[in-house]
Amino acid sequence: MSAAVRLHNLTVSYQGHPAVHHLSGAFEAGSLTAIVGPNGAGKSTLLAALGGQLPSNEGRVEIDPATRQRMAWLPQQHQIDRSFPLSAFELVATGLWWRIGAWGALKPAQRDEVHAAMQAVGLAGFERRALNELSTGQFQRLLFARVLLQDAPLILLDEPFNAIDTRTTADLLALVARWQGERRTVLAVL
């Protein structure tokens, strides 16, 4: 089995303070890995470094260039402004960005894909709802639908089950299991 991600003596800082110290290792292609630890342990910082959102102070992250271009990122909910005037459908459709680009329009088949992704997460009929009209669990389902559309070989999930009910968690865990069954590499901060 080959590694999807390799870490070489990685040190990463968050707000000027080292949060990840001299970490080396690998995440195998097709693996499902939970990154666990207490608050402030550097879990989200590690994910941000893997996603290219934070530079390393020392060492490096090695990801195949084709995989790096197509990785999916599910941020913590508090990092998204839910007052931004988007509908649920429009947010999920951003998962197709990699295929349509900044100025492309959705084709009928892509609209069908958005509807199918929303149905897959139990939100059929919510397409026109504003983001600020959704419950925490409904919003998290939308974020998972967006990841579905990204069709990514590497999926980074940052606190994907915080503040959601047991049923929503179980439904979303089924999607994570589906991704693993499809041999995608999934790293989840919990």
C-alpha atoms as a PDB file:
ATOM      1  CA  MET A   1       0.000   0.000   0.000  1.00  0.00           C
ATOM      2  CA  SER A   2       1.311   3.475  -0.823  1.00  0.00           C
ATOM      3  CA  ALA A   3       1.122   6.609   1.261  1.00  0.00           C
ATOM      4  CA  ALA A   4      -1.319   9.340   0.216  1.00  0.00           C
ATOM      5  CA  VAL A   5       0.326  11.823   2.593  1.00  0.00           C
ATOM      6  CA  ARG A   6       3.800  11.835   4.123  1.00  0.00           C
ATOM      7  CA  LEU A   7       5.013  14.099   6.901  1.00  0.00           C
ATOM      8  CA  HIS A   8       8.726  14.794   7.270  1.00  0.00           C
ATOM      9  CA  ASN A   9       9.793  16.379  10.578  1.00  0.00           C
ATOM     10  CA  LEU A  10       6.828  18.765  10.350  1.00  0.00           C
ATOM     11  CA  THR A  11       6.553  21.731  12.709  1.00  0.00           C
ATOM     12  CA  VAL A  12       3.657  24.151  12.250  1.00  0.00           C
ATOM     13  CA  SER A  13       2.673  27.209  14.270  1.00  0.00           C
ATOM     14  CA  TYR A  14      -0.743  28.659  15.008  1.00  0.00           C
ATOM     15  CA  GLN A  15      -0.866  32.360  15.852  1.00  0.00           C
ATOM     16  CA  GLY A  16       2.901  32.426  16.308  1.00  0.00           C
ATOM     17  CA  HIS A  17       3.096  29.446  18.670  1.00  0.00           C
ATOM     18  CA  PRO A  18       4.305  26.001  17.580  1.00  0.00           C
ATOM     19  CA  ALA A  19       1.300  23.652  17.702  1.00  0.00           C
ATOM     20  CA  VAL A  20       2.667  20.636  15.804  1.00  0.00           C
ATOM     21  CA  HIS A  21       6.205  19.626  16.716  1.00  0.00           C
ATOM     22  CA  HIS A  22       8.574  17.535  14.563  1.00  0.00           C
ATOM     23  CA  LEU A  23       5.916  15.148  13.319  1.00  0.00           C
ATOM     24  CA  SER A  24       6.889  12.420  10.861  1.00  0.00           C
ATOM     25  CA  GLY A  25       4.738   9.647   9.469  1.00  0.00           C
ATOM     26  CA  ALA A  26       2.387   8.675   6.688  1.00  0.00           C
ATOM     27  CA  PHE A  27      -1.301   8.209   5.961  1.00  0.00           C
ATOM     28  CA  GLU A  28      -1.863   5.264   3.660  1.00  0.00           C
ATOM     29  CA  ALA A  29      -3.938   5.685   0.504  1.00  0.00           C
ATOM     30  CA  GLY A  30      -7.499   4.556   1.136  1.00  0.00           C
ATOM     31  CA  SER A  31      -7.164   4.778   4.918  1.00  0.00           C
ATOM     32  CA  LEU A  32      -9.574   6.299   7.406  1.00  0.00           C
ATOM     33  CA  THR A  33      -7.714   8.079  10.199  1.00  0.00           C
ATOM     34  CA  ALA A  34      -9.089   9.874  13.251  1.00  0.00           C
ATOM     35  CA  ILE A  35      -6.825  12.564  14.661  1.00  0.00           C
ATOM     36  CA  VAL A  36      -7.838  12.882  18.301  1.00  0.00           C
ATOM     37  CA  GLY A  37      -6.686  14.885  21.285  1.00  0.00           C
ATOM     38  CA  PRO A  38      -7.648  17.668  23.653  1.00  0.00           C
ATOM     39  CA  ASN A  39      -8.455  21.218  22.610  1.00  0.00           C
ATOM     40  CA  GLY A  40      -5.332  23.143  21.701  1.00  0.00           C
ATOM     41  CA  ALA A  41      -3.312  20.018  20.865  1.00  0.00           C
ATOM     42  CA  GLY A  42      -2.720  21.120  17.255  1.00  0.00           C
ATOM     43  CA  LYS A  43      -5.184  18.817  15.466  1.00  0.00           C
ATOM     44  CA  SER A  44      -6.824  21.517  13.334  1.00  0.00           C
ATOM     45  CA  THR A  45      -3.432  23.145  12.771  1.00  0.00           C
ATOM     46  CA  LEU A  46      -2.149  19.854  11.372  1.00  0.00           C
ATOM     47  CA  LEU A  47      -5.153  19.599   9.051  1.00  0.00           C
ATOM     48  CA  ALA A  48      -4.641  23.204   7.904  1.00  0.00           C
ATOM     49  CA  ALA A  49      -1.003  22.411   7.104  1.00  0.00           C
ATOM     50  CA  LEU A  50      -2.032  19.298   5.165  1.00  0.00           C
ATOM     51  CA  GLY A  51      -4.550  21.405   3.221  1.00  0.00           C
ATOM     52  CA  GLY A  52      -1.916  24.018   2.409  1.00  0.00           C
ATOM     53  CA  GLN A  53      -3.602  26.717   4.492  1.00  0.00           C
ATOM     54  CA  LEU A  54      -0.734  27.066   6.951  1.00  0.00           C
ATOM     55  CA  PRO A  55       2.961  26.980   6.053  1.00  0.00           C
ATOM     56  CA  SER A  56       5.355  24.750   7.918  1.00  0.00           C
ATOM     57  CA  ASN A  57       8.010  26.264  10.162  1.00  0.00           C
ATOM     58  CA  GLU A  58      10.172  23.258   9.572  1.00  0.00           C
ATOM     59  CA  GLY A  59       9.923  20.014   7.634  1.00  0.00           C
ATOM     60  CA  ARG A  60       7.391  19.336   4.900  1.00  0.00           C
ATOM     61  CA  VAL A  61       4.142  17.720   3.847  1.00  0.00           C
ATOM     62  CA  GLU A  62       4.396  15.470   0.809  1.00  0.00           C
ATOM     63  CA  ILE A  63       1.205  14.910  -1.209  1.00  0.00           C
ATOM     64  CA  ASP A  64       1.035  13.816  -4.822  1.00  0.00           C
ATOM     65  CA  PRO A  65       0.404  16.995  -6.905  1.00  0.00           C
ATOM     66  CA  ALA A  66      -2.711  15.559  -8.579  1.00  0.00           C
ATOM     67  CA  THR A  67      -4.144  14.636  -5.167  1.00  0.00           C
ATOM     68  CA  ARG A  68      -3.254  18.047  -3.712  1.00  0.00           C
ATOM     69  CA  GLN A  69      -5.192  19.776  -6.511  1.00  0.00           C
ATOM     70  CA  ARG A  70      -8.290  17.700  -5.815  1.00  0.00           C
ATOM     71  CA  MET A  71      -8.407  17.354  -2.027  1.00  0.00           C
ATOM     72  CA  ALA A  72     -11.641  18.214  -0.234  1.00  0.00           C
ATOM     73  CA  TRP A  73     -11.767  20.250   2.956  1.00  0.00           C
ATOM     74  CA  LEU A  74     -14.649  20.346   5.401  1.00  0.00           C
ATOM     75  CA  PRO A  75     -13.887  23.164   7.863  1.00  0.00           C
ATOM     76  CA  GLN A  76     -15.313  23.652  11.323  1.00  0.00           C
ATOM     77  CA  GLN A  77     -18.730  25.278  11.097  1.00  0.00           C
ATOM     78  CA  HIS A  78     -17.714  28.393  13.000  1.00  0.00           C
ATOM     79  CA  GLN A  79     -15.287  29.250  10.190  1.00  0.00           C
ATOM     80  CA  ILE A  80     -18.128  29.868   7.719  1.00  0.00           C
ATOM     81  CA  ASP A  81     -20.238  33.033   7.662  1.00  0.00           C
ATOM     82  CA  ARG A  82     -23.799  31.734   7.565  1.00  0.00           C
ATOM     83  CA  SER A  83     -25.175  35.241   7.009  1.00  0.00           C
ATOM     84  CA  PHE A  84     -23.631  35.304   3.518  1.00  0.00           C
ATOM     85  CA  PRO A  85     -26.538  35.414   1.045  1.00  0.00           C
ATOM     86  CA  LEU A  86     -26.329  31.928  -0.447  1.00  0.00           C
ATOM     87  CA  SER A  87     -29.015  29.313  -0.740  1.00  0.00           C
ATOM     88  CA  ALA A  88     -28.403  25.749   0.389  1.00  0.00           C
ATOM     89  CA  PHE A  89     -28.287  24.710  -3.285  1.00  0.00           C
ATOM     90  CA  GLU A  90     -25.671  27.357  -4.112  1.00  0.00           C
ATOM     91  CA  LEU A  91     -23.426  26.330  -1.212  1.00  0.00           C
ATOM     92  CA  VAL A  92     -23.531  22.666  -2.227  1.00  0.00           C
ATOM     93  CA  ALA A  93     -22.890  23.623  -5.872  1.00  0.00           C
ATOM     94  CA  THR A  94     -19.538  25.142  -4.839  1.00  0.00           C
ATOM     95  CA  GLY A  95     -18.390  21.522  -4.596  1.00  0.00           C
ATOM     96  CA  LEU A  96     -18.331  21.537  -8.403  1.00  0.00           C
ATOM     97  CA  TRP A  97     -15.964  24.513  -8.545  1.00  0.00           C
ATOM     98  CA  TRP A  98     -13.118  22.267  -9.687  1.00  0.00           C
ATOM     99  CA  ARG A  99     -15.140  21.338 -12.779  1.00  0.00           C
ATOM    100  CA  ILE A 100     -16.876  24.585 -13.703  1.00  0.00           C
ATOM    101  CA  GLY A 101     -14.393  27.258 -12.592  1.00  0.00           C
ATOM    102  CA  ALA A 102     -15.057  30.793 -11.403  1.00  0.00           C
ATOM    103  CA  TRP A 103     -17.145  31.921 -14.349  1.00  0.00           C
ATOM    104  CA  GLY A 104     -18.771  28.683 -15.452  1.00  0.00           C
ATOM    105  CA  ALA A 105     -22.470  28.028 -15.189  1.00  0.00           C
ATOM    106  CA  LEU A 106     -24.066  24.822 -13.977  1.00  0.00           C
ATOM    107  CA  LYS A 107     -25.270  22.562 -16.744  1.00  0.00           C
ATOM    108  CA  PRO A 108     -28.515  20.617 -16.262  1.00  0.00           C
ATOM    109  CA  ALA A 109     -26.593  17.411 -15.459  1.00  0.00           C
ATOM    110  CA  GLN A 110     -24.580  19.266 -12.798  1.00  0.00           C
ATOM    111  CA  ARG A 111     -27.776  20.677 -11.281  1.00  0.00           C
ATOM    112  CA  ASP A 112     -28.970  17.084 -11.051  1.00  0.00           C
ATOM    113  CA  GLU A 113     -25.718  16.169  -9.265  1.00  0.00           C
ATOM    114  CA  VAL A 114     -26.329  18.927  -6.694  1.00  0.00           C
ATOM    115  CA  HIS A 115     -29.881  17.688  -6.119  1.00  0.00           C
ATOM    116  CA  ALA A 116     -28.599  14.099  -5.776  1.00  0.00           C
ATOM    117  CA  ALA A 117     -25.938  15.155  -3.251  1.00  0.00           C
ATOM    118  CA  MET A 118     -28.549  17.008  -1.205  1.00  0.00           C
ATOM    119  CA  GLN A 119     -30.799  13.976  -1.314  1.00  0.00           C
ATOM    120  CA  ALA A 120     -27.888  11.742  -0.246  1.00  0.00           C
ATOM    121  CA  VAL A 121     -27.509  13.776   2.956  1.00  0.00           C
ATOM    122  CA  GLY A 122     -31.250  13.961   3.641  1.00  0.00           C
ATOM    123  CA  LEU A 123     -31.861  17.544   2.505  1.00  0.00           C
ATOM    124  CA  ALA A 124     -34.012  17.147  -0.589  1.00  0.00           C
ATOM    125  CA  GLY A 125     -36.469  20.049  -0.570  1.00  0.00           C
ATOM    126  CA  PHE A 126     -34.078  22.429   1.227  1.00  0.00           C
ATOM    127  CA  GLU A 127     -32.510  23.838  -1.948  1.00  0.00           C
ATOM    128  CA  ARG A 128     -33.925  27.370  -1.626  1.00  0.00           C
ATOM    129  CA  ARG A 129     -33.326  27.807   2.087  1.00  0.00           C
ATOM    130  CA  ALA A 130     -30.883  30.506   3.166  1.00  0.00           C
ATOM    131  CA  LEU A 131     -27.888  29.280   5.152  1.00  0.00           C
ATOM    132  CA  ASN A 132     -28.967  31.164   8.266  1.00  0.00           C
ATOM    133  CA  GLU A 133     -32.347  29.355   8.199  1.00  0.00           C
ATOM    134  CA  LEU A 134     -30.754  25.944   8.705  1.00  0.00           C
ATOM    135  CA  SER A 135     -30.109  24.127  11.971  1.00  0.00           C
ATOM    136  CA  THR A 136     -26.549  23.200  12.892  1.00  0.00           C
ATOM    137  CA  GLY A 137     -27.137  19.597  11.785  1.00  0.00           C
ATOM    138  CA  GLN A 138     -28.730  20.632   8.493  1.00  0.00           C
ATOM    139  CA  PHE A 139     -25.837  22.963   7.755  1.00  0.00           C
ATOM    140  CA  GLN A 140     -23.329  20.192   8.486  1.00  0.00           C
ATOM    141  CA  ARG A 141     -25.208  17.927   6.088  1.00  0.00           C
ATOM    142  CA  LEU A 142     -24.833  20.641   3.406  1.00  0.00           C
ATOM    143  CA  LEU A 143     -21.088  20.731   3.950  1.00  0.00           C
ATOM    144  CA  PHE A 144     -20.940  16.959   3.510  1.00  0.00           C
ATOM    145  CA  ALA A 145     -23.013  17.248   0.306  1.00  0.00           C
ATOM    146  CA  ARG A 146     -20.483  19.762  -1.016  1.00  0.00           C
ATOM    147  CA  VAL A 147     -17.649  17.321  -0.254  1.00  0.00           C
ATOM    148  CA  LEU A 148     -19.575  14.581  -2.094  1.00  0.00           C
ATOM    149  CA  LEU A 149     -19.527  16.707  -5.247  1.00  0.00           C
ATOM    150  CA  GLN A 150     -15.804  17.328  -5.003  1.00  0.00           C
ATOM    151  CA  ASP A 151     -15.167  13.653  -5.738  1.00  0.00           C
ATOM    152  CA  ALA A 152     -11.773  13.997  -4.055  1.00  0.00           C
ATOM    153  CA  PRO A 153      -9.177  11.281  -3.429  1.00  0.00           C
ATOM    154  CA  LEU A 154      -8.149  12.974  -0.144  1.00  0.00           C
ATOM    155  CA  ILE A 155     -10.784  14.298   2.281  1.00  0.00           C
ATOM    156  CA  LEU A 156      -9.933  16.423   5.328  1.00  0.00           C
ATOM    157  CA  LEU A 157     -12.694  16.741   7.942  1.00  0.00           C
ATOM    158  CA  ASP A 158     -12.240  19.237  10.796  1.00  0.00           C
ATOM    159  CA  GLU A 159     -14.545  18.463  13.745  1.00  0.00           C
ATOM    160  CA  PRO A 160     -17.281  17.109  11.445  1.00  0.00           C
ATOM    161  CA  PHE A 161     -19.574  15.875  14.236  1.00  0.00           C
ATOM    162  CA  ASN A 162     -19.442  18.756  16.732  1.00  0.00           C
ATOM    163  CA  ALA A 163     -22.791  20.078  17.972  1.00  0.00           C
ATOM    164  CA  ILE A 164     -24.927  17.735  15.872  1.00  0.00           C
ATOM    165  CA  ASP A 165     -27.409  15.125  17.001  1.00  0.00           C
ATOM    166  CA  THR A 166     -26.889  11.372  17.099  1.00  0.00           C
ATOM    167  CA  ARG A 167     -29.005  10.658  14.001  1.00  0.00           C
ATOM    168  CA  THR A 168     -27.142  13.229  11.895  1.00  0.00           C
ATOM    169  CA  THR A 169     -23.822  11.866  13.131  1.00  0.00           C
ATOM    170  CA  ALA A 170     -24.829   8.313  12.180  1.00  0.00           C
ATOM    171  CA  ASP A 171     -25.979   9.433   8.715  1.00  0.00           C
ATOM    172  CA  LEU A 172     -22.748  11.343   8.095  1.00  0.00           C
ATOM    173  CA  LEU A 173     -20.612   8.475   9.395  1.00  0.00           C
ATOM    174  CA  ALA A 174     -22.275   6.307   6.740  1.00  0.00           C
ATOM    175  CA  LEU A 175     -20.950   8.749   4.104  1.00  0.00           C
ATOM    176  CA  VAL A 176     -17.470   8.555   5.617  1.00  0.00           C
ATOM    177  CA  ALA A 177     -17.662   4.742   5.447  1.00  0.00           C
ATOM    178  CA  ARG A 178     -18.758   5.037   1.807  1.00  0.00           C
ATOM    179  CA  TRP A 179     -15.716   7.174   1.020  1.00  0.00           C
ATOM    180  CA  GLN A 180     -13.427   4.657   2.651  1.00  0.00           C
ATOM    181  CA  GLY A 181     -15.104   1.891   0.665  1.00  0.00           C
ATOM    182  CA  GLU A 182     -14.304   3.888  -2.469  1.00  0.00           C
ATOM    183  CA  ARG A 183     -10.611   3.852  -1.395  1.00  0.00           C
ATOM    184  CA  ARG A 184     -10.491   7.567  -0.656  1.00  0.00           C
ATOM    185  CA  THR A 185      -8.124   8.728   2.066  1.00  0.00           C
ATOM    186  CA  VAL A 186     -10.063  10.364   4.897  1.00  0.00           C
ATOM    187  CA  LEU A 187      -8.454  12.261   7.778  1.00  0.00           C
ATOM    188  CA  ALA A 188     -10.853  13.460  10.461  1.00  0.00           C
ATOM    189  CA  VAL A 189     -10.060  15.667  13.431  1.00  0.00           C
ATOM    190  CA  LEU A 190     -12.223  14.647  16.372  1.00  0.00           C
END
